[in-house]
């Protein structure tokens, strides 16, 4: 079962920017590996990608929660179990 996440465009623009930045960082990691760069440099860049993705995910979850609490959604609110599952997916 898939639920559509309805979030406002204003909240999503920073998320999209962060995801685009992470996409560029990931491309850089691939290039670094192909070029035989130092393992420490590769891991450092990969950690930055991971943090960017985590932050984007938390922003999406937080925006969705804010809308649920405000009652702006036509969909039924998520259960505590569903919310926990979302957060654990990012952990």
PDB file of N, CA and C in Angstrom:
ATOM      1  N   UNK A   1       0.842  -1.174   0.000  1.00  0.00           N
ATOM      2  CA  UNK A   1       0.000   0.000   0.000  1.00  0.00           C
ATOM      3  C   UNK A   1       0.891   1.243   0.000  1.00  0.00           C
ATOM      4  N   UNK A   2       0.636   2.154  -0.942  1.00  0.00           N
ATOM      5  CA  UNK A   2       1.419   3.377  -1.029  1.00  0.00           C
ATOM      6  C   UNK A   2       0.541   4.561  -0.668  1.00  0.00           C
ATOM      7  N   UNK A   3       1.095   5.458   0.148  1.00  0.00           N
ATOM      8  CA  UNK A   3       0.406   6.690   0.494  1.00  0.00           C
ATOM      9  C   UNK A   3       1.118   7.837  -0.182  1.00  0.00           C
ATOM     10  N   UNK A   4       0.361   8.763  -0.744  1.00  0.00           N
ATOM     11  CA  UNK A   4       0.957   9.952  -1.327  1.00  0.00           C
ATOM     12  C   UNK A   4       1.309  10.911  -0.206  1.00  0.00           C
ATOM     13  N   UNK A   5       2.518  11.455  -0.278  1.00  0.00           N
ATOM     14  CA  UNK A   5       2.931  12.458   0.683  1.00  0.00           C
ATOM     15  C   UNK A   5       2.583  13.810   0.089  1.00  0.00           C
ATOM     16  N   UNK A   6       1.693  14.519   0.754  1.00  0.00           N
ATOM     17  CA  UNK A   6       1.273  15.826   0.297  1.00  0.00           C
ATOM     18  C   UNK A   6       1.969  16.889   1.137  1.00  0.00           C
ATOM     19  N   UNK A   7       2.954  17.535   0.564  1.00  0.00           N
ATOM     20  CA  UNK A   7       3.652  18.596   1.279  1.00  0.00           C
ATOM     21  C   UNK A   7       3.665  19.835   0.407  1.00  0.00           C
ATOM     22  N   UNK A   8       3.705  20.974   1.044  1.00  0.00           N
ATOM     23  CA  UNK A   8       3.646  22.204   0.276  1.00  0.00           C
ATOM     24  C   UNK A   8       4.960  22.461  -0.454  1.00  0.00           C
ATOM     25  N   UNK A   9       4.841  23.148  -1.562  1.00  0.00           N
ATOM     26  CA  UNK A   9       5.980  23.408  -2.437  1.00  0.00           C
ATOM     27  C   UNK A   9       7.082  24.189  -1.719  1.00  0.00           C
ATOM     28  N   UNK A  10       6.692  25.102  -0.854  1.00  0.00           N
ATOM     29  CA  UNK A  10       7.664  25.905  -0.110  1.00  0.00           C
ATOM     30  C   UNK A  10       8.552  25.024   0.772  1.00  0.00           C
ATOM     31  N   UNK A  11       7.976  24.003   1.376  1.00  0.00           N
ATOM     32  CA  UNK A  11       8.738  23.087   2.220  1.00  0.00           C
ATOM     33  C   UNK A  11       9.639  22.179   1.393  1.00  0.00           C
ATOM     34  N   UNK A  12       9.209  21.862   0.184  1.00  0.00           N
ATOM     35  CA  UNK A  12       9.955  20.906  -0.629  1.00  0.00           C
ATOM     36  C   UNK A  12      11.136  21.522  -1.375  1.00  0.00           C
ATOM     37  N   UNK A  13      11.131  22.818  -1.607  1.00  0.00           N
ATOM     38  CA  UNK A  13      12.235  23.416  -2.365  1.00  0.00           C
ATOM     39  C   UNK A  13      13.585  23.204  -1.678  1.00  0.00           C
ATOM     40  N   UNK A  14      13.699  23.428  -0.361  1.00  0.00           N
ATOM     41  CA  UNK A  14      14.983  23.137   0.292  1.00  0.00           C
ATOM     42  C   UNK A  14      15.346  21.651   0.228  1.00  0.00           C
ATOM     43  N   UNK A  15      14.346  20.787   0.278  1.00  0.00           N
ATOM     44  CA  UNK A  15      14.602  19.347   0.185  1.00  0.00           C
ATOM     45  C   UNK A  15      15.150  19.013  -1.198  1.00  0.00           C
ATOM     46  N   UNK A  16      14.513  19.551  -2.232  1.00  0.00           N
ATOM     47  CA  UNK A  16      14.986  19.302  -3.589  1.00  0.00           C
ATOM     48  C   UNK A  16      16.402  19.839  -3.783  1.00  0.00           C
ATOM     49  N   UNK A  17      16.671  21.009  -3.242  1.00  0.00           N
ATOM     50  CA  UNK A  17      18.024  21.566  -3.335  1.00  0.00           C
ATOM     51  C   UNK A  17      19.037  20.652  -2.652  1.00  0.00           C
ATOM     52  N   UNK A  18      18.685  20.154  -1.487  1.00  0.00           N
ATOM     53  CA  UNK A  18      19.571  19.262  -0.739  1.00  0.00           C
ATOM     54  C   UNK A  18      19.794  17.951  -1.500  1.00  0.00           C
ATOM     55  N   UNK A  19      18.740  17.420  -2.102  1.00  0.00           N
ATOM     56  CA  UNK A  19      18.868  16.179  -2.868  1.00  0.00           C
ATOM     57  C   UNK A  19      19.714  16.387  -4.124  1.00  0.00           C
ATOM     58  N   UNK A  20      19.567  17.527  -4.763  1.00  0.00           N
ATOM     59  CA  UNK A  20      20.402  17.813  -5.944  1.00  0.00           C
ATOM     60  C   UNK A  20      21.871  17.938  -5.542  1.00  0.00           C
ATOM     61  N   UNK A  21      22.110  18.567  -4.401  1.00  0.00           N
ATOM     62  CA  UNK A  21      23.478  18.683  -3.902  1.00  0.00           C
ATOM     63  C   UNK A  21      24.040  17.292  -3.598  1.00  0.00           C
ATOM     64  N   UNK A  22      23.237  16.440  -2.972  1.00  0.00           N
ATOM     65  CA  UNK A  22      23.674  15.081  -2.665  1.00  0.00           C
ATOM     66  C   UNK A  22      23.943  14.300  -3.951  1.00  0.00           C
ATOM     67  N   UNK A  23      23.130  14.531  -4.954  1.00  0.00           N
ATOM     68  CA  UNK A  23      23.334  13.861  -6.240  1.00  0.00           C
ATOM     69  C   UNK A  23      24.694  14.254  -6.827  1.00  0.00           C
ATOM     70  N   UNK A  24      25.033  15.531  -6.742  1.00  0.00           N
ATOM     71  CA  UNK A  24      26.339  15.993  -7.215  1.00  0.00           C
ATOM     72  C   UNK A  24      27.477  15.402  -6.397  1.00  0.00           C
ATOM     73  N   UNK A  25      27.274  15.335  -5.078  1.00  0.00           N
ATOM     74  CA  UNK A  25      28.296  14.746  -4.211  1.00  0.00           C
ATOM     75  C   UNK A  25      28.497  13.266  -4.524  1.00  0.00           C
ATOM     76  N   UNK A  26      27.401  12.562  -4.790  1.00  0.00           N
ATOM     77  CA  UNK A  26      27.509  11.145  -5.114  1.00  0.00           C
ATOM     78  C   UNK A  26      28.246  10.946  -6.440  1.00  0.00           C
ATOM     79  N   UNK A  27      27.969  11.797  -7.409  1.00  0.00           N
ATOM     80  CA  UNK A  27      28.694  11.731  -8.676  1.00  0.00           C
ATOM     81  C   UNK A  27      30.190  11.958  -8.434  1.00  0.00           C
ATOM     82  N   UNK A  28      30.509  12.864  -7.518  1.00  0.00           N
ATOM     83  CA  UNK A  28      31.912  13.115  -7.181  1.00  0.00           C
ATOM     84  C   UNK A  28      32.550  11.892  -6.534  1.00  0.00           C
ATOM     85  N   UNK A  29      31.805  11.191  -5.690  1.00  0.00           N
ATOM     86  CA  UNK A  29      32.324   9.964  -5.057  1.00  0.00           C
ATOM     87  C   UNK A  29      32.655   8.927  -6.131  1.00  0.00           C
ATOM     88  N   UNK A  30      31.749   8.757  -7.065  1.00  0.00           N
ATOM     89  CA  UNK A  30      31.976   7.785  -8.144  1.00  0.00           C
ATOM     90  C   UNK A  30      33.231   8.156  -8.934  1.00  0.00           C
ATOM     91  N   UNK A  31      33.371   9.429  -9.258  1.00  0.00           N
ATOM     92  CA  UNK A  31      34.546   9.903  -9.994  1.00  0.00           C
ATOM     93  C   UNK A  31      35.821   9.677  -9.185  1.00  0.00           C
ATOM     94  N   UNK A  32      35.742   9.929  -7.876  1.00  0.00           N
ATOM     95  CA  UNK A  32      36.904   9.728  -7.004  1.00  0.00           C
ATOM     96  C   UNK A  32      37.335   8.263  -6.996  1.00  0.00           C
ATOM     97  N   UNK A  33      36.365   7.371  -6.913  1.00  0.00           N
ATOM     98  CA  UNK A  33      36.678   5.942  -6.898  1.00  0.00           C
ATOM     99  C   UNK A  33      37.297   5.529  -8.226  1.00  0.00           C
ATOM    100  N   UNK A  34      36.698   5.986  -9.316  1.00  0.00           N
ATOM    101  CA  UNK A  34      37.222   5.662 -10.647  1.00  0.00           C
ATOM    102  C   UNK A  34      38.632   6.195 -10.851  1.00  0.00           C
ATOM    103  N   UNK A  35      38.941   7.327 -10.212  1.00  0.00           N
ATOM    104  CA  UNK A  35      40.264   7.937 -10.342  1.00  0.00           C
ATOM    105  C   UNK A  35      41.273   7.351  -9.358  1.00  0.00           C
ATOM    106  N   UNK A  36      40.807   6.456  -8.484  1.00  0.00           N
ATOM    107  CA  UNK A  36      41.711   5.838  -7.516  1.00  0.00           C
ATOM    108  C   UNK A  36      42.129   6.762  -6.392  1.00  0.00           C
ATOM    109  N   UNK A  37      41.246   7.675  -6.016  1.00  0.00           N
ATOM    110  CA  UNK A  37      41.554   8.623  -4.942  1.00  0.00           C
ATOM    111  C   UNK A  37      41.707   7.905  -3.614  1.00  0.00           C
ATOM    112  N   UNK A  38      42.324   8.593  -2.686  1.00  0.00           N
ATOM    113  CA  UNK A  38      42.576   8.077  -1.344  1.00  0.00           C
ATOM    114  C   UNK A  38      41.271   7.671  -0.665  1.00  0.00           C
ATOM    115  N   UNK A  39      41.311   6.545   0.004  1.00  0.00           N
ATOM    116  CA  UNK A  39      40.139   5.985   0.684  1.00  0.00           C
ATOM    117  C   UNK A  39      39.544   6.984   1.676  1.00  0.00           C
ATOM    118  N   UNK A  40      40.381   7.690   2.401  1.00  0.00           N
ATOM    119  CA  UNK A  40      39.905   8.656   3.398  1.00  0.00           C
ATOM    120  C   UNK A  40      39.072   9.752   2.727  1.00  0.00           C
ATOM    121  N   UNK A  41      39.534  10.242   1.599  1.00  0.00           N
ATOM    122  CA  UNK A  41      38.798  11.284   0.874  1.00  0.00           C
ATOM    123  C   UNK A  41      37.451  10.768   0.381  1.00  0.00           C
ATOM    124  N   UNK A  42      37.458   9.534  -0.143  1.00  0.00           N
ATOM    125  CA  UNK A  42      36.227   8.934  -0.652  1.00  0.00           C
ATOM    126  C   UNK A  42      35.211   8.761   0.474  1.00  0.00           C
ATOM    127  N   UNK A  43      35.661   8.225   1.608  1.00  0.00           N
ATOM    128  CA  UNK A  43      34.760   7.985   2.734  1.00  0.00           C
ATOM    129  C   UNK A  43      34.225   9.308   3.289  1.00  0.00           C
ATOM    130  N   UNK A  44      35.069  10.323   3.354  1.00  0.00           N
ATOM    131  CA  UNK A  44      34.636  11.641   3.833  1.00  0.00           C
ATOM    132  C   UNK A  44      33.530  12.198   2.944  1.00  0.00           C
ATOM    133  N   UNK A  45      33.714  12.097   1.638  1.00  0.00           N
ATOM    134  CA  UNK A  45      32.704  12.596   0.707  1.00  0.00           C
ATOM    135  C   UNK A  45      31.433  11.755   0.773  1.00  0.00           C
ATOM    136  N   UNK A  46      31.589  10.462   0.922  1.00  0.00           N
ATOM    137  CA  UNK A  46      30.434   9.576   1.022  1.00  0.00           C
ATOM    138  C   UNK A  46      29.633   9.865   2.297  1.00  0.00           C
ATOM    139  N   UNK A  47      30.318  10.181   3.378  1.00  0.00           N
ATOM    140  CA  UNK A  47      29.636  10.546   4.624  1.00  0.00           C
ATOM    141  C   UNK A  47      28.825  11.826   4.431  1.00  0.00           C
ATOM    142  N   UNK A  48      29.346  12.765   3.650  1.00  0.00           N
ATOM    143  CA  UNK A  48      28.616  14.007   3.377  1.00  0.00           C
ATOM    144  C   UNK A  48      27.341  13.714   2.588  1.00  0.00           C
ATOM    145  N   UNK A  49      27.428  12.793   1.644  1.00  0.00           N
ATOM    146  CA  UNK A  49      26.249  12.396   0.875  1.00  0.00           C
ATOM    147  C   UNK A  49      25.208  11.777   1.810  1.00  0.00           C
ATOM    148  N   UNK A  50      25.651  10.902   2.665  1.00  0.00           N
ATOM    149  CA  UNK A  50      24.753  10.231   3.593  1.00  0.00           C
ATOM    150  C   UNK A  50      24.047  11.232   4.503  1.00  0.00           C
ATOM    151  N   UNK A  51      24.780  12.190   5.034  1.00  0.00           N
ATOM    152  CA  UNK A  51      24.178  13.217   5.904  1.00  0.00           C
ATOM    153  C   UNK A  51      23.150  14.048   5.138  1.00  0.00           C
ATOM    154  N   UNK A  52      23.480  14.398   3.892  1.00  0.00           N
ATOM    155  CA  UNK A  52      22.547  15.195   3.091  1.00  0.00           C
ATOM    156  C   UNK A  52      21.247  14.429   2.842  1.00  0.00           C
ATOM    157  N   UNK A  53      21.359  13.152   2.561  1.00  0.00           N
ATOM    158  CA  UNK A  53      20.165  12.330   2.339  1.00  0.00           C
ATOM    159  C   UNK A  53      19.351  12.177   3.618  1.00  0.00           C
ATOM    160  N   UNK A  54      20.034  11.980   4.740  1.00  0.00           N
ATOM    161  CA  UNK A  54      19.336  11.881   6.025  1.00  0.00           C
ATOM    162  C   UNK A  54      18.566  13.154   6.321  1.00  0.00           C
ATOM    163  N   UNK A  55      19.200  14.293   6.115  1.00  0.00           N
ATOM    164  CA  UNK A  55      18.536  15.574   6.396  1.00  0.00           C
ATOM    165  C   UNK A  55      17.337  15.780   5.492  1.00  0.00           C
ATOM    166  N   UNK A  56      17.463  15.401   4.228  1.00  0.00           N
ATOM    167  CA  UNK A  56      16.331  15.527   3.311  1.00  0.00           C
ATOM    168  C   UNK A  56      15.182  14.640   3.780  1.00  0.00           C
ATOM    169  N   UNK A  57      15.480  13.424   4.186  1.00  0.00           N
ATOM    170  CA  UNK A  57      14.447  12.513   4.669  1.00  0.00           C
ATOM    171  C   UNK A  57      13.759  13.036   5.907  1.00  0.00           C
ATOM    172  N   UNK A  58      14.542  13.554   6.858  1.00  0.00           N
ATOM    173  CA  UNK A  58      13.942  14.101   8.080  1.00  0.00           C
ATOM    174  C   UNK A  58      13.066  15.311   7.767  1.00  0.00           C
ATOM    175  N   UNK A  59      13.487  16.121   6.810  1.00  0.00           N
ATOM    176  CA  UNK A  59      12.704  17.297   6.430  1.00  0.00           C
ATOM    177  C   UNK A  59      11.364  16.869   5.829  1.00  0.00           C
ATOM    178  N   UNK A  60      11.394  15.832   4.996  1.00  0.00           N
ATOM    179  CA  UNK A  60      10.154  15.335   4.395  1.00  0.00           C
ATOM    180  C   UNK A  60       9.219  14.799   5.470  1.00  0.00           C
ATOM    181  N   UNK A  61       9.748  14.009   6.394  1.00  0.00           N
ATOM    182  CA  UNK A  61       8.925  13.452   7.471  1.00  0.00           C
ATOM    183  C   UNK A  61       8.379  14.576   8.350  1.00  0.00           C
ATOM    184  N   UNK A  62       9.226  15.543   8.702  1.00  0.00           N
ATOM    185  CA  UNK A  62       8.781  16.650   9.556  1.00  0.00           C
ATOM    186  C   UNK A  62       7.706  17.476   8.869  1.00  0.00           C
ATOM    187  N   UNK A  63       7.855  17.729   7.578  1.00  0.00           N
ATOM    188  CA  UNK A  63       6.847  18.498   6.843  1.00  0.00           C
ATOM    189  C   UNK A  63       5.524  17.750   6.807  1.00  0.00           C
ATOM    190  N   UNK A  64       5.597  16.444   6.586  1.00  0.00           N
ATOM    191  CA  UNK A  64       4.384  15.637   6.570  1.00  0.00           C
ATOM    192  C   UNK A  64       3.697  15.620   7.918  1.00  0.00           C
ATOM    193  N   UNK A  65       4.485  15.526   8.986  1.00  0.00           N
ATOM    194  CA  UNK A  65       3.916  15.527  10.332  1.00  0.00           C
ATOM    195  C   UNK A  65       3.252  16.858  10.641  1.00  0.00           C
ATOM    196  N   UNK A  66       3.911  17.937  10.236  1.00  0.00           N
ATOM    197  CA  UNK A  66       3.341  19.258  10.493  1.00  0.00           C
ATOM    198  C   UNK A  66       1.988  19.397   9.810  1.00  0.00           C
ATOM    199  N   UNK A  67       1.889  18.909   8.578  1.00  0.00           N
ATOM    200  CA  UNK A  67       0.617  18.992   7.866  1.00  0.00           C
ATOM    201  C   UNK A  67      -0.439  18.103   8.510  1.00  0.00           C
ATOM    202  N   UNK A  68      -0.031  16.931   8.970  1.00  0.00           N
ATOM    203  CA  UNK A  68      -0.994  16.037   9.634  1.00  0.00           C
ATOM    204  C   UNK A  68      -1.529  16.684  10.905  1.00  0.00           C
ATOM    205  N   UNK A  69      -0.648  17.294  11.670  1.00  0.00           N
ATOM    206  CA  UNK A  69      -1.065  17.932  12.918  1.00  0.00           C
ATOM    207  C   UNK A  69      -1.955  19.138  12.660  1.00  0.00           C
ATOM    208  N   UNK A  70      -1.700  19.821  11.538  1.00  0.00           N
ATOM    209  CA  UNK A  70      -2.501  20.993  11.215  1.00  0.00           C
ATOM    210  C   UNK A  70      -3.845  20.602  10.609  1.00  0.00           C
ATOM    211  N   UNK A  71      -3.983  19.339  10.233  1.00  0.00           N
ATOM    212  CA  UNK A  71      -5.246  18.881   9.657  1.00  0.00           C
ATOM    213  C   UNK A  71      -5.452  19.329   8.231  1.00  0.00           C
ATOM    214  N   UNK A  72      -4.357  19.632   7.506  1.00  0.00           N
ATOM    215  CA  UNK A  72      -4.470  20.121   6.139  1.00  0.00           C
ATOM    216  C   UNK A  72      -4.627  19.004   5.114  1.00  0.00           C
ATOM    217  N   UNK A  73      -4.565  17.787   5.523  1.00  0.00           N
ATOM    218  CA  UNK A  73      -4.551  16.674   4.586  1.00  0.00           C
ATOM    219  C   UNK A  73      -5.917  16.008   4.506  1.00  0.00           C
ATOM    220  N   UNK A  74      -6.238  15.489   3.320  1.00  0.00           N
ATOM    221  CA  UNK A  74      -7.475  14.740   3.140  1.00  0.00           C
ATOM    222  C   UNK A  74      -7.301  13.276   3.526  1.00  0.00           C
ATOM    223  N   UNK A  75      -6.058  12.873   3.744  1.00  0.00           N
ATOM    224  CA  UNK A  75      -5.786  11.477   4.105  1.00  0.00           C
ATOM    225  C   UNK A  75      -5.850  11.321   5.621  1.00  0.00           C
ATOM    226  N   UNK A  76      -6.195  10.126   6.094  1.00  0.00           N
ATOM    227  CA  UNK A  76      -6.255   9.912   7.543  1.00  0.00           C
ATOM    228  C   UNK A  76      -4.864  10.055   8.169  1.00  0.00           C
ATOM    229  N   UNK A  77      -4.783  10.494   9.412  1.00  0.00           N
ATOM    230  CA  UNK A  77      -3.487  10.651  10.062  1.00  0.00           C
ATOM    231  C   UNK A  77      -2.779   9.310  10.217  1.00  0.00           C
ATOM    232  N   UNK A  78      -1.462   9.359  10.238  1.00  0.00           N
ATOM    233  CA  UNK A  78      -0.673   8.140  10.412  1.00  0.00           C
ATOM    234  C   UNK A  78      -0.736   7.696  11.867  1.00  0.00           C
ATOM    235  N   UNK A  79      -0.675   6.397  12.049  1.00  0.00           N
ATOM    236  CA  UNK A  79      -0.643   5.850  13.397  1.00  0.00           C
ATOM    237  C   UNK A  79       0.756   6.046  13.979  1.00  0.00           C
ATOM    238  N   UNK A  80       0.863   5.861  15.276  1.00  0.00           N
ATOM    239  CA  UNK A  80       2.170   5.968  15.922  1.00  0.00           C
ATOM    240  C   UNK A  80       3.131   4.940  15.326  1.00  0.00           C
ATOM    241  N   UNK A  81       2.625   3.757  15.048  1.00  0.00           N
ATOM    242  CA  UNK A  81       3.459   2.702  14.468  1.00  0.00           C
ATOM    243  C   UNK A  81       3.990   3.118  13.089  1.00  0.00           C
ATOM    244  N   UNK A  82       3.143   3.737  12.282  1.00  0.00           N
ATOM    245  CA  UNK A  82       3.564   4.185  10.952  1.00  0.00           C
ATOM    246  C   UNK A  82       4.620   5.287  11.051  1.00  0.00           C
ATOM    247  N   UNK A  83       4.419   6.217  11.993  1.00  0.00           N
ATOM    248  CA  UNK A  83       5.402   7.286  12.192  1.00  0.00           C
ATOM    249  C   UNK A  83       6.741   6.722  12.658  1.00  0.00           C
ATOM    250  N   UNK A  84       6.690   5.788  13.601  1.00  0.00           N
ATOM    251  CA  UNK A  84       7.919   5.167  14.087  1.00  0.00           C
ATOM    252  C   UNK A  84       8.651   4.458  12.948  1.00  0.00           C
ATOM    253  N   UNK A  85       7.896   3.781  12.095  1.00  0.00           N
ATOM    254  CA  UNK A  85       8.489   3.068  10.970  1.00  0.00           C
ATOM    255  C   UNK A  85       9.203   4.044  10.029  1.00  0.00           C
ATOM    256  N   UNK A  86       8.579   5.196   9.783  1.00  0.00           N
ATOM    257  CA  UNK A  86       9.219   6.205   8.933  1.00  0.00           C
ATOM    258  C   UNK A  86      10.533   6.689   9.535  1.00  0.00           C
ATOM    259  N   UNK A  87      10.501   7.015  10.830  1.00  0.00           N
ATOM    260  CA  UNK A  87      11.724   7.499  11.481  1.00  0.00           C
ATOM    261  C   UNK A  87      12.802   6.425  11.510  1.00  0.00           C
ATOM    262  N   UNK A  88      12.420   5.189  11.794  1.00  0.00           N
ATOM    263  CA  UNK A  88      13.402   4.112  11.835  1.00  0.00           C
ATOM    264  C   UNK A  88      13.992   3.836  10.464  1.00  0.00           C
ATOM    265  N   UNK A  89      13.245   4.075   9.417  1.00  0.00           N
ATOM    266  CA  UNK A  89      13.776   3.888   8.063  1.00  0.00           C
ATOM    267  C   UNK A  89      14.924   4.845   7.792  1.00  0.00           C
ATOM    268  N   UNK A  90      14.935   5.974   8.478  1.00  0.00           N
ATOM    269  CA  UNK A  90      16.007   6.961   8.302  1.00  0.00           C
ATOM    270  C   UNK A  90      17.162   6.754   9.270  1.00  0.00           C
ATOM    271  N   UNK A  91      16.939   5.962  10.310  1.00  0.00           N
ATOM    272  CA  UNK A  91      17.968   5.786  11.331  1.00  0.00           C
ATOM    273  C   UNK A  91      19.098   4.879  10.847  1.00  0.00           C
TER     274      UNK A  91
END
